[in-house]
Amino acid sequence: MKKPGNDVLVWFWIAVALPVVAAIIQTIENQRIFEGDVARNILNLTPLLTVAVGLYLLAGIFWIVVIHKALSMLRYLVHSR
């Protein structure tokens, strides 16, 4: 059995960084909305808010990968002898 999860730390930090970047973008865009009228799409989102939502979704995917890899490492530790 091959040892899984050598890259989990990289995926973990990507999963942590993406929501932080999305929150910063969202804060900046909310300030722009507060200051003046900004064009919005059919979902009532500005382009930057759409990017922030996409980053949140991408972070969720990375968290699923991190959890899967962590469970794989636990399985490896339990079943390896």
Protein backbone atom coordinates (compact mmCIF):
# COMPACT_ATOMS: atom_id res chain seq x y z
CA MET A 1 0.00 0.00 0.00
CA LYS A 2 1.39 3.37 -1.06
CA LYS A 3 1.59 6.04 1.64
CA PRO A 4 -1.04 8.70 0.83
CA GLY A 5 -1.08 12.38 1.48
CA ASN A 6 2.34 13.86 0.90
CA ASP A 7 0.69 16.93 -0.60
CA VAL A 8 -2.07 17.40 1.99
CA LEU A 9 -0.34 20.37 3.61
CA VAL A 10 -0.32 22.22 0.29
CA TRP A 11 -4.02 21.51 -0.29
CA PHE A 12 -4.77 22.53 3.31
CA TRP A 13 -3.12 25.94 2.97
CA ILE A 14 -4.80 26.53 -0.38
CA ALA A 15 -8.14 25.67 1.26
CA VAL A 16 -7.35 28.16 4.05
CA ALA A 17 -6.11 30.94 1.75
CA LEU A 18 -9.00 30.90 -0.74
CA PRO A 19 -11.73 31.99 1.72
CA VAL A 20 -9.43 34.71 3.07
CA VAL A 21 -8.90 36.10 -0.44
CA ALA A 22 -12.64 35.80 -1.14
CA ALA A 23 -13.48 37.69 2.07
CA ILE A 24 -11.04 40.47 1.14
CA ILE A 25 -12.55 40.75 -2.36
CA GLN A 26 -16.04 40.73 -0.88
CA THR A 27 -15.16 43.48 1.59
CA ILE A 28 -13.65 45.66 -1.12
CA GLU A 29 -16.64 45.17 -3.39
CA ASN A 30 -19.14 45.85 -0.61
CA GLN A 31 -17.33 49.13 0.04
CA ARG A 32 -17.62 50.00 -3.66
CA ILE A 33 -21.34 49.18 -3.58
CA PHE A 34 -21.80 51.36 -0.50
CA GLU A 35 -20.03 54.30 -2.14
CA GLY A 36 -21.91 54.26 -5.40
CA ASP A 37 -23.95 52.38 -7.93
CA VAL A 38 -22.18 49.35 -9.38
CA ALA A 39 -23.51 47.28 -12.27
CA ARG A 40 -25.01 43.96 -11.22
CA ASN A 41 -26.03 40.82 -13.08
CA ILE A 42 -29.24 38.78 -12.96
CA LEU A 43 -28.23 37.22 -9.60
CA ASN A 44 -27.81 40.72 -8.12
CA LEU A 45 -24.04 40.19 -7.93
CA THR A 46 -21.27 42.38 -9.20
CA PRO A 47 -18.43 40.75 -11.16
CA LEU A 48 -16.10 40.83 -8.14
CA LEU A 49 -18.74 39.33 -5.87
CA THR A 50 -19.18 36.57 -8.44
CA VAL A 51 -15.44 35.93 -8.22
CA ALA A 52 -15.69 35.82 -4.42
CA VAL A 53 -18.50 33.26 -4.57
CA GLY A 54 -16.43 31.19 -6.99
CA LEU A 55 -13.47 31.29 -4.61
CA TYR A 56 -15.70 30.12 -1.73
CA LEU A 57 -16.92 27.22 -3.88
CA LEU A 58 -13.37 26.34 -4.90
CA ALA A 59 -12.31 26.42 -1.24
CA GLY A 60 -15.12 23.99 -0.45
CA ILE A 61 -13.80 21.61 -3.09
CA PHE A 62 -10.30 21.86 -1.64
CA TRP A 63 -11.67 21.12 1.85
CA ILE A 64 -13.34 17.97 0.50
CA VAL A 65 -9.97 16.92 -0.96
CA VAL A 66 -8.20 17.64 2.36
CA ILE A 67 -10.73 15.63 4.35
CA HIS A 68 -10.50 12.74 1.89
CA LYS A 69 -6.71 12.74 2.08
CA ALA A 70 -6.76 12.89 5.89
CA LEU A 71 -9.11 9.91 6.03
CA SER A 72 -6.84 8.06 3.60
CA MET A 73 -3.85 8.75 5.84
CA LEU A 74 -5.75 7.49 8.89
CA ARG A 75 -6.73 4.34 6.99
CA TYR A 76 -3.10 3.85 5.98
CA LEU A 77 -1.93 4.25 9.59
CA VAL A 78 -4.52 1.80 10.91
CA HIS A 79 -4.00 -0.89 8.28
CA SER A 80 -0.24 -0.69 7.71
CA ARG A 81 2.03 -3.02 9.63
